[in-house]
Amino acid sequence: TEVITMEDEPVRSIRRKKDASMVRMAEAVKYGEADAC
């Protein structure tokens, strides 16, 4: 439901946009659902 844009502040956007495609992608690697992102 969320997107991290090029204008977003990096650390804040990762922490606040929990349903962003980039965050969910990284979580897939963390939890072993994917081998790479």
PDB file of all heavy atoms in Angstrom:
ATOM      1  N   THR A   1       0.810  -1.221   0.000  1.00  0.00           N
ATOM      2  CA  THR A   1       0.000   0.000   0.000  1.00  0.00           C
ATOM      3  C   THR A   1       0.842   1.270   0.000  1.00  0.00           C
ATOM      4  O   THR A   1       0.302   2.370  -0.145  1.00  0.00           O
ATOM      5  CB  THR A   1      -0.914   0.024   1.238  1.00  0.00           C
ATOM      6  OG1 THR A   1      -0.105  -0.028   2.427  1.00  0.00           O
ATOM      7  CG2 THR A   1      -1.872  -1.157   1.226  1.00  0.00           C
ATOM      8  N   GLU A   2       2.177   1.128   0.161  1.00  0.00           N
ATOM      9  CA  GLU A   2       3.037   2.309   0.237  1.00  0.00           C
ATOM     10  C   GLU A   2       4.219   2.184  -0.721  1.00  0.00           C
ATOM     11  O   GLU A   2       4.614   1.082  -1.100  1.00  0.00           O
ATOM     12  CB  GLU A   2       3.554   2.501   1.666  1.00  0.00           C
ATOM     13  CG  GLU A   2       2.459   2.810   2.675  1.00  0.00           C
ATOM     14  CD  GLU A   2       3.006   2.921   4.084  1.00  0.00           C
ATOM     15  OE1 GLU A   2       3.478   1.906   4.624  1.00  0.00           O
ATOM     16  OE2 GLU A   2       2.960   4.031   4.653  1.00  0.00           O
ATOM     17  N   VAL A   3       4.780   3.340  -1.073  1.00  0.00           N
ATOM     18  CA  VAL A   3       5.935   3.409  -1.957  1.00  0.00           C
ATOM     19  C   VAL A   3       6.954   4.378  -1.372  1.00  0.00           C
ATOM     20  O   VAL A   3       6.581   5.458  -0.892  1.00  0.00           O
ATOM     21  CB  VAL A   3       5.535   3.891  -3.370  1.00  0.00           C
ATOM     22  CG1 VAL A   3       6.774   4.068  -4.245  1.00  0.00           C
ATOM     23  CG2 VAL A   3       4.571   2.919  -4.027  1.00  0.00           C
ATOM     24  N   ILE A   4       8.217   4.009  -1.404  1.00  0.00           N
ATOM     25  CA  ILE A   4       9.281   4.926  -1.017  1.00  0.00           C
ATOM     26  C   ILE A   4       9.741   5.652  -2.276  1.00  0.00           C
ATOM     27  O   ILE A   4      10.179   5.026  -3.238  1.00  0.00           O
ATOM     28  CB  ILE A   4      10.450   4.175  -0.361  1.00  0.00           C
ATOM     29  CG1 ILE A   4       9.984   3.608   0.986  1.00  0.00           C
ATOM     30  CG2 ILE A   4      11.663   5.091  -0.170  1.00  0.00           C
ATOM     31  CD1 ILE A   4      11.022   2.765   1.688  1.00  0.00           C
ATOM     32  N   THR A   5       9.630   6.970  -2.260  1.00  0.00           N
ATOM     33  CA  THR A   5       9.976   7.773  -3.434  1.00  0.00           C
ATOM     34  C   THR A   5      11.441   8.211  -3.374  1.00  0.00           C
ATOM     35  O   THR A   5      12.121   8.056  -2.363  1.00  0.00           O
ATOM     36  CB  THR A   5       9.083   9.014  -3.521  1.00  0.00           C
ATOM     37  OG1 THR A   5       9.424   9.919  -2.443  1.00  0.00           O
ATOM     38  CG2 THR A   5       7.603   8.629  -3.414  1.00  0.00           C
ATOM     39  N   MET A   6      11.909   8.786  -4.466  1.00  0.00           N
ATOM     40  CA  MET A   6      13.281   9.288  -4.522  1.00  0.00           C
ATOM     41  C   MET A   6      13.476  10.480  -3.587  1.00  0.00           C
ATOM     42  O   MET A   6      14.601  10.791  -3.194  1.00  0.00           O
ATOM     43  CB  MET A   6      13.628   9.695  -5.966  1.00  0.00           C
ATOM     44  CG  MET A   6      13.648   8.539  -6.946  1.00  0.00           C
ATOM     45  SD  MET A   6      14.916   7.312  -6.570  1.00  0.00           S
ATOM     46  CE  MET A   6      14.855   6.297  -8.052  1.00  0.00           C
ATOM     47  N   GLU A   7      12.400  11.164  -3.229  1.00  0.00           N
ATOM     48  CA  GLU A   7      12.492  12.335  -2.364  1.00  0.00           C
ATOM     49  C   GLU A   7      12.420  11.989  -0.882  1.00  0.00           C
ATOM     50  O   GLU A   7      12.724  12.832  -0.033  1.00  0.00           O
ATOM     51  CB  GLU A   7      11.360  13.327  -2.690  1.00  0.00           C
ATOM     52  CG  GLU A   7      11.482  14.004  -4.055  1.00  0.00           C
ATOM     53  CD  GLU A   7      11.173  13.071  -5.206  1.00  0.00           C
ATOM     54  OE1 GLU A   7      10.289  12.198  -5.041  1.00  0.00           O
ATOM     55  OE2 GLU A   7      11.827  13.203  -6.262  1.00  0.00           O
ATOM     56  N   ASP A   8      12.032  10.775  -0.537  1.00  0.00           N
ATOM     57  CA  ASP A   8      11.890  10.383   0.863  1.00  0.00           C
ATOM     58  C   ASP A   8      13.235  10.350   1.580  1.00  0.00           C
ATOM     59  O   ASP A   8      14.255   9.963   1.005  1.00  0.00           O
ATOM     60  CB  ASP A   8      11.228   9.002   0.978  1.00  0.00           C
ATOM     61  CG  ASP A   8       9.730   9.057   0.790  1.00  0.00           C
ATOM     62  OD1 ASP A   8       9.138  10.116   1.049  1.00  0.00           O
ATOM     63  OD2 ASP A   8       9.144   8.035   0.390  1.00  0.00           O
ATOM     64  N   GLU A   9      13.218  10.734   2.859  1.00  0.00           N
ATOM     65  CA  GLU A   9      14.419  10.634   3.690  1.00  0.00           C
ATOM     66  C   GLU A   9      14.647   9.157   3.983  1.00  0.00           C
ATOM     67  O   GLU A   9      13.739   8.468   4.467  1.00  0.00           O
ATOM     68  CB  GLU A   9      14.220  11.427   4.988  1.00  0.00           C
ATOM     69  CG  GLU A   9      15.489  11.702   5.757  1.00  0.00           C
ATOM     70  CD  GLU A   9      15.991  10.493   6.536  1.00  0.00           C
ATOM     71  OE1 GLU A   9      15.143   9.750   7.063  1.00  0.00           O
ATOM     72  OE2 GLU A   9      17.213  10.303   6.601  1.00  0.00           O
ATOM     73  N   PRO A  10      15.845   8.633   3.707  1.00  0.00           N
ATOM     74  CA  PRO A  10      16.080   7.186   3.733  1.00  0.00           C
ATOM     75  C   PRO A  10      15.700   6.463   5.017  1.00  0.00           C
ATOM     76  O   PRO A  10      14.846   5.565   5.004  1.00  0.00           O
ATOM     77  CB  PRO A  10      17.583   7.064   3.455  1.00  0.00           C
ATOM     78  CG  PRO A  10      17.884   8.259   2.627  1.00  0.00           C
ATOM     79  CD  PRO A  10      17.027   9.344   3.183  1.00  0.00           C
ATOM     80  N   VAL A  11      16.295   6.826   6.132  1.00  0.00           N
ATOM     81  CA  VAL A  11      16.064   6.076   7.373  1.00  0.00           C
ATOM     82  C   VAL A  11      14.630   6.241   7.847  1.00  0.00           C
ATOM     83  O   VAL A  11      13.973   5.272   8.243  1.00  0.00           O
ATOM     84  CB  VAL A  11      17.058   6.520   8.465  1.00  0.00           C
ATOM     85  CG1 VAL A  11      16.757   5.793   9.777  1.00  0.00           C
ATOM     86  CG2 VAL A  11      18.495   6.241   8.030  1.00  0.00           C
ATOM     87  N   ARG A  12      14.117   7.455   7.789  1.00  0.00           N
ATOM     88  CA  ARG A  12      12.751   7.703   8.244  1.00  0.00           C
ATOM     89  C   ARG A  12      11.745   6.920   7.410  1.00  0.00           C
ATOM     90  O   ARG A  12      10.783   6.344   7.951  1.00  0.00           O
ATOM     91  CB  ARG A  12      12.438   9.202   8.177  1.00  0.00           C
ATOM     92  CG  ARG A  12      11.055   9.549   8.746  1.00  0.00           C
ATOM     93  CD  ARG A  12      10.767  11.040   8.672  1.00  0.00           C
ATOM     94  NE  ARG A  12      11.683  11.781   9.533  1.00  0.00           N
ATOM     95  CZ  ARG A  12      12.604  12.629   9.091  1.00  0.00           C
ATOM     96  NH1 ARG A  12      12.740  12.834   7.784  1.00  0.00           N
ATOM     97  NH2 ARG A  12      13.378  13.286   9.923  1.00  0.00           N
ATOM     98  N   SER A  13      11.946   6.876   6.103  1.00  0.00           N
ATOM     99  CA  SER A  13      10.993   6.176   5.243  1.00  0.00           C
ATOM    100  C   SER A  13      10.998   4.675   5.508  1.00  0.00           C
ATOM    101  O   SER A  13       9.937   4.030   5.492  1.00  0.00           O
ATOM    102  CB  SER A  13      11.306   6.456   3.770  1.00  0.00           C
ATOM    103  OG  SER A  13      12.601   5.990   3.421  1.00  0.00           O
ATOM    104  N   ILE A  14      12.159   4.100   5.772  1.00  0.00           N
ATOM    105  CA  ILE A  14      12.244   2.669   6.073  1.00  0.00           C
ATOM    106  C   ILE A  14      11.523   2.342   7.372  1.00  0.00           C
ATOM    107  O   ILE A  14      10.867   1.306   7.502  1.00  0.00           O
ATOM    108  CB  ILE A  14      13.725   2.222   6.134  1.00  0.00           C
ATOM    109  CG1 ILE A  14      14.360   2.241   4.742  1.00  0.00           C
ATOM    110  CG2 ILE A  14      13.851   0.834   6.746  1.00  0.00           C
ATOM    111  CD1 ILE A  14      13.745   1.296   3.747  1.00  0.00           C
ATOM    112  N   ARG A  15      11.639   3.224   8.335  1.00  0.00           N
ATOM    113  CA  ARG A  15      11.022   2.986   9.645  1.00  0.00           C
ATOM    114  C   ARG A  15       9.531   3.255   9.668  1.00  0.00           C
ATOM    115  O   ARG A  15       8.790   2.614  10.420  1.00  0.00           O
ATOM    116  CB  ARG A  15      11.730   3.844  10.701  1.00  0.00           C
ATOM    117  CG  ARG A  15      13.152   3.371  10.993  1.00  0.00           C
ATOM    118  CD  ARG A  15      13.864   4.298  11.953  1.00  0.00           C
ATOM    119  NE  ARG A  15      15.179   3.766  12.331  1.00  0.00           N
ATOM    120  CZ  ARG A  15      16.099   4.446  12.993  1.00  0.00           C
ATOM    121  NH1 ARG A  15      15.857   5.696  13.353  1.00  0.00           N
ATOM    122  NH2 ARG A  15      17.256   3.878  13.294  1.00  0.00           N
ATOM    123  N   ARG A  16       9.084   4.213   8.863  1.00  0.00           N
ATOM    124  CA  ARG A  16       7.677   4.617   8.935  1.00  0.00           C
ATOM    125  C   ARG A  16       6.795   3.942   7.890  1.00  0.00           C
ATOM    126  O   ARG A  16       5.613   3.691   8.146  1.00  0.00           O
ATOM    127  CB  ARG A  16       7.571   6.135   8.792  1.00  0.00           C
ATOM    128  CG  ARG A  16       8.186   6.892   9.978  1.00  0.00           C
ATOM    129  CD  ARG A  16       7.983   8.389   9.838  1.00  0.00           C
ATOM    130  NE  ARG A  16       8.518   9.115  10.984  1.00  0.00           N
ATOM    131  CZ  ARG A  16       8.475  10.436  11.127  1.00  0.00           C
ATOM    132  NH1 ARG A  16       7.916  11.169  10.165  1.00  0.00           N
ATOM    133  NH2 ARG A  16       8.985  11.015  12.194  1.00  0.00           N
ATOM    134  N   LYS A  17       7.347   3.672   6.715  1.00  0.00           N
ATOM    135  CA  LYS A  17       6.537   3.064   5.648  1.00  0.00           C
ATOM    136  C   LYS A  17       6.701   1.545   5.680  1.00  0.00           C
ATOM    137  O   LYS A  17       7.372   0.942   4.846  1.00  0.00           O
ATOM    138  CB  LYS A  17       6.935   3.630   4.290  1.00  0.00           C
ATOM    139  CG  LYS A  17       6.592   5.100   4.120  1.00  0.00           C
ATOM    140  CD  LYS A  17       6.860   5.581   2.691  1.00  0.00           C
ATOM    141  CE  LYS A  17       6.375   7.007   2.473  1.00  0.00           C
ATOM    142  NZ  LYS A  17       6.587   7.462   1.078  1.00  0.00           N
ATOM    143  N   LYS A  18       6.069   0.946   6.644  1.00  0.00           N
ATOM    144  CA  LYS A  18       6.240  -0.496   6.876  1.00  0.00           C
ATOM    145  C   LYS A  18       5.672  -1.353   5.752  1.00  0.00           C
ATOM    146  O   LYS A  18       6.094  -2.504   5.582  1.00  0.00           O
ATOM    147  CB  LYS A  18       5.568  -0.889   8.208  1.00  0.00           C
ATOM    148  CG  LYS A  18       6.151  -0.195   9.433  1.00  0.00           C
ATOM    149  CD  LYS A  18       7.598  -0.592   9.662  1.00  0.00           C
ATOM    150  CE  LYS A  18       8.142  -0.012  10.945  1.00  0.00           C
ATOM    151  NZ  LYS A  18       9.571  -0.369  11.170  1.00  0.00           N
ATOM    152  N   ASP A  19       4.720  -0.815   5.005  1.00  0.00           N
ATOM    153  CA  ASP A  19       4.133  -1.606   3.923  1.00  0.00           C
ATOM    154  C   ASP A  19       4.637  -1.149   2.550  1.00  0.00           C
ATOM    155  O   ASP A  19       4.005  -1.430   1.529  1.00  0.00           O
ATOM    156  CB  ASP A  19       2.597  -1.528   3.971  1.00  0.00           C
ATOM    157  CG  ASP A  19       1.942  -2.667   3.198  1.00  0.00           C
ATOM    158  OD1 ASP A  19       2.425  -3.814   3.306  1.00  0.00           O
ATOM    159  OD2 ASP A  19       0.962  -2.411   2.461  1.00  0.00           O
ATOM    160  N   ALA A  20       5.777  -0.479   2.544  1.00  0.00           N
ATOM    161  CA  ALA A  20       6.368  -0.070   1.270  1.00  0.00           C
ATOM    162  C   ALA A  20       6.970  -1.271   0.561  1.00  0.00           C
ATOM    163  O   ALA A  20       7.470  -2.206   1.193  1.00  0.00           O
ATOM    164  CB  ALA A  20       7.439   0.988   1.508  1.00  0.00           C
ATOM    165  N   SER A  21       6.932  -1.245  -0.757  1.00  0.00           N
ATOM    166  CA  SER A  21       7.434  -2.380  -1.542  1.00  0.00           C
ATOM    167  C   SER A  21       8.908  -2.659  -1.255  1.00  0.00           C
ATOM    168  O   SER A  21       9.319  -3.825  -1.188  1.00  0.00           O
ATOM    169  CB  SER A  21       7.230  -2.109  -3.036  1.00  0.00           C
ATOM    170  OG  SER A  21       7.759  -0.840  -3.403  1.00  0.00           O
ATOM    171  N   MET A  22       9.714  -1.623  -1.045  1.00  0.00           N
ATOM    172  CA  MET A  22      11.133  -1.838  -0.755  1.00  0.00           C
ATOM    173  C   MET A  22      11.336  -2.492   0.604  1.00  0.00           C
ATOM    174  O   MET A  22      12.177  -3.387   0.765  1.00  0.00           O
ATOM    175  CB  MET A  22      11.896  -0.517  -0.815  1.00  0.00           C
ATOM    176  CG  MET A  22      13.395  -0.672  -0.624  1.00  0.00           C
ATOM    177  SD  MET A  22      14.275   0.906  -0.558  1.00  0.00           S
ATOM    178  CE  MET A  22      14.105   1.468  -2.246  1.00  0.00           C
ATOM    179  N   VAL A  23      10.573  -2.062   1.592  1.00  0.00           N
ATOM    180  CA  VAL A  23      10.678  -2.638   2.934  1.00  0.00           C
ATOM    181  C   VAL A  23      10.256  -4.101   2.928  1.00  0.00           C
ATOM    182  O   VAL A  23      10.948  -4.974   3.472  1.00  0.00           O
ATOM    183  CB  VAL A  23       9.813  -1.834   3.930  1.00  0.00           C
ATOM    184  CG1 VAL A  23       9.754  -2.536   5.286  1.00  0.00           C
ATOM    185  CG2 VAL A  23      10.362  -0.419   4.093  1.00  0.00           C
ATOM    186  N   ARG A  24       9.125  -4.381   2.308  1.00  0.00           N
ATOM    187  CA  ARG A  24       8.626  -5.767   2.248  1.00  0.00           C
ATOM    188  C   ARG A  24       9.601  -6.670   1.493  1.00  0.00           C
ATOM    189  O   ARG A  24       9.801  -7.838   1.856  1.00  0.00           O
ATOM    190  CB  ARG A  24       7.257  -5.785   1.573  1.00  0.00           C
ATOM    191  CG  ARG A  24       6.153  -5.024   2.330  1.00  0.00           C
ATOM    192  CD  ARG A  24       5.444  -5.894   3.350  1.00  0.00           C
ATOM    193  NE  ARG A  24       4.903  -7.082   2.751  1.00  0.00           N
ATOM    194  CZ  ARG A  24       3.741  -7.144   2.072  1.00  0.00           C
ATOM    195  NH1 ARG A  24       3.013  -6.043   1.901  1.00  0.00           N
ATOM    196  NH2 ARG A  24       3.310  -8.289   1.581  1.00  0.00           N
ATOM    197  N   MET A  25      10.217  -6.133   0.452  1.00  0.00           N
ATOM    198  CA  MET A  25      11.202  -6.882  -0.313  1.00  0.00           C
ATOM    199  C   MET A  25      12.394  -7.267   0.556  1.00  0.00           C
ATOM    200  O   MET A  25      12.846  -8.417   0.549  1.00  0.00           O
ATOM    201  CB  MET A  25      11.666  -6.025  -1.500  1.00  0.00           C
ATOM    202  CG  MET A  25      12.814  -6.590  -2.301  1.00  0.00           C
ATOM    203  SD  MET A  25      13.608  -5.342  -3.361  1.00  0.00           S
ATOM    204  CE  MET A  25      14.552  -4.423  -2.112  1.00  0.00           C
ATOM    205  N   ALA A  26      12.925  -6.299   1.321  1.00  0.00           N
ATOM    206  CA  ALA A  26      14.073  -6.566   2.194  1.00  0.00           C
ATOM    207  C   ALA A  26      13.701  -7.556   3.296  1.00  0.00           C
ATOM    208  O   ALA A  26      14.509  -8.420   3.675  1.00  0.00           O
ATOM    209  CB  ALA A  26      14.577  -5.260   2.799  1.00  0.00           C
ATOM    210  N   GLU A  27      12.486  -7.469   3.793  1.00  0.00           N
ATOM    211  CA  GLU A  27      12.039  -8.402   4.830  1.00  0.00           C
ATOM    212  C   GLU A  27      11.967  -9.828   4.302  1.00  0.00           C
ATOM    213  O   GLU A  27      12.203 -10.789   5.049  1.00  0.00           O
ATOM    214  CB  GLU A  27      10.677  -7.964   5.381  1.00  0.00           C
ATOM    215  CG  GLU A  27      10.752  -6.717   6.242  1.00  0.00           C
ATOM    216  CD  GLU A  27       9.390  -6.245   6.715  1.00  0.00           C
ATOM    217  OE1 GLU A  27       8.367  -6.637   6.106  1.00  0.00           O
ATOM    218  OE2 GLU A  27       9.338  -5.466   7.685  1.00  0.00           O
ATOM    219  N   ALA A  28      11.647  -9.967   3.024  1.00  0.00           N
ATOM    220  CA  ALA A  28      11.601 -11.311   2.429  1.00  0.00           C
ATOM    221  C   ALA A  28      12.965 -11.982   2.497  1.00  0.00           C
ATOM    222  O   ALA A  28      13.070 -13.187   2.725  1.00  0.00           O
ATOM    223  CB  ALA A  28      11.118 -11.220   0.983  1.00  0.00           C
ATOM    224  N   VAL A  29      14.039 -11.200   2.304  1.00  0.00           N
ATOM    225  CA  VAL A  29      15.387 -11.744   2.414  1.00  0.00           C
ATOM    226  C   VAL A  29      15.707 -12.036   3.885  1.00  0.00           C
ATOM    227  O   VAL A  29      16.255 -13.094   4.213  1.00  0.00           O
ATOM    228  CB  VAL A  29      16.418 -10.764   1.824  1.00  0.00           C
ATOM    229  CG1 VAL A  29      17.845 -11.279   2.051  1.00  0.00           C
ATOM    230  CG2 VAL A  29      16.169 -10.577   0.331  1.00  0.00           C
ATOM    231  N   LYS A  30      15.358 -11.127   4.755  1.00  0.00           N
ATOM    232  CA  LYS A  30      15.638 -11.307   6.192  1.00  0.00           C
ATOM    233  C   LYS A  30      15.014 -12.588   6.729  1.00  0.00           C
ATOM    234  O   LYS A  30      15.652 -13.336   7.490  1.00  0.00           O
ATOM    235  CB  LYS A  30      15.100 -10.111   6.974  1.00  0.00           C
ATOM    236  CG  LYS A  30      15.256 -10.257   8.482  1.00  0.00           C
ATOM    237  CD  LYS A  30      14.659  -9.071   9.222  1.00  0.00           C
ATOM    238  CE  LYS A  30      14.801  -9.248  10.732  1.00  0.00           C
ATOM    239  NZ  LYS A  30      14.235  -8.084  11.470  1.00  0.00           N
ATOM    240  N   TYR A  31      13.781 -12.854   6.351  1.00  0.00           N
ATOM    241  CA  TYR A  31      13.063 -14.001   6.895  1.00  0.00           C
ATOM    242  C   TYR A  31      13.204 -15.269   6.067  1.00  0.00           C
ATOM    243  O   TYR A  31      12.513 -16.263   6.299  1.00  0.00           O
ATOM    244  CB  TYR A  31      11.580 -13.646   7.067  1.00  0.00           C
ATOM    245  CG  TYR A  31      11.363 -12.548   8.079  1.00  0.00           C
ATOM    246  CD1 TYR A  31      10.751 -11.349   7.706  1.00  0.00           C
ATOM    247  CD2 TYR A  31      11.781 -12.679   9.395  1.00  0.00           C
ATOM    248  CE1 TYR A  31      10.561 -10.323   8.625  1.00  0.00           C
ATOM    249  CE2 TYR A  31      11.592 -11.664  10.326  1.00  0.00           C
ATOM    250  CZ  TYR A  31      10.984 -10.492   9.928  1.00  0.00           C
ATOM    251  OH  TYR A  31      10.803  -9.481  10.855  1.00  0.00           O
ATOM    252  N   GLY A  32      14.087 -15.248   5.078  1.00  0.00           N
ATOM    253  CA  GLY A  32      14.364 -16.455   4.304  1.00  0.00           C
ATOM    254  C   GLY A  32      13.346 -16.801   3.255  1.00  0.00           C
ATOM    255  O   GLY A  32      13.383 -17.898   2.698  1.00  0.00           O
ATOM    256  N   GLU A  33      12.440 -15.858   2.944  1.00  0.00           N
ATOM    257  CA  GLU A  33      11.445 -16.107   1.904  1.00  0.00           C
ATOM    258  C   GLU A  33      12.045 -15.928   0.510  1.00  0.00           C
ATOM    259  O   GLU A  33      11.509 -16.443  -0.470  1.00  0.00           O
ATOM    260  CB  GLU A  33      10.260 -15.155   2.084  1.00  0.00           C
ATOM    261  CG  GLU A  33       9.533 -15.331   3.410  1.00  0.00           C
ATOM    262  CD  GLU A  33       8.567 -14.193   3.681  1.00  0.00           C
ATOM    263  OE1 GLU A  33       8.420 -13.313   2.806  1.00  0.00           O
ATOM    264  OE2 GLU A  33       7.967 -14.177   4.763  1.00  0.00           O
ATOM    265  N   ALA A  34      13.144 -15.164   0.427  1.00  0.00           N
ATOM    266  CA  ALA A  34      13.843 -14.931  -0.835  1.00  0.00           C
ATOM    267  C   ALA A  34      15.343 -15.021  -0.593  1.00  0.00           C
ATOM    268  O   ALA A  34      15.829 -14.782   0.514  1.00  0.00           O
ATOM    269  CB  ALA A  34      13.471 -13.562  -1.409  1.00  0.00           C
ATOM    270  N   ASP A  35      16.074 -15.356  -1.642  1.00  0.00           N
ATOM    271  CA  ASP A  35      17.529 -15.499  -1.543  1.00  0.00           C
ATOM    272  C   ASP A  35      18.263 -14.195  -1.828  1.00  0.00           C
ATOM    273  O   ASP A  35      19.429 -14.043  -1.465  1.00  0.00           O
ATOM    274  CB  ASP A  35      18.006 -16.561  -2.544  1.00  0.00           C
ATOM    275  CG  ASP A  35      17.337 -17.894  -2.325  1.00  0.00           C
ATOM    276  OD1 ASP A  35      17.480 -18.449  -1.222  1.00  0.00           O
ATOM    277  OD2 ASP A  35      16.654 -18.379  -3.255  1.00  0.00           O
ATOM    278  N   ALA A  36      17.599 -13.257  -2.514  1.00  0.00           N
ATOM    279  CA  ALA A  36      18.223 -11.994  -2.896  1.00  0.00           C
ATOM    280  C   ALA A  36      17.117 -10.992  -3.185  1.00  0.00           C
ATOM    281  O   ALA A  36      15.945 -11.359  -3.338  1.00  0.00           O
ATOM    282  CB  ALA A  36      19.097 -12.173  -4.133  1.00  0.00           C
ATOM    283  N   CYS A  37      17.485  -9.710  -3.246  1.00  0.00           N
ATOM    284  CA  CYS A  37      16.492  -8.694  -3.600  1.00  0.00           C
ATOM    285  C   CYS A  37      17.115  -7.641  -4.505  1.00  0.00           C
ATOM    286  O   CYS A  37      18.323  -7.373  -4.447  1.00  0.00           O
ATOM    287  CB  CYS A  37      15.875  -8.047  -2.363  1.00  0.00           C
ATOM    288  SG  CYS A  37      17.027  -7.174  -1.283  1.00  0.00           S
TER     289      CYS A  37
END
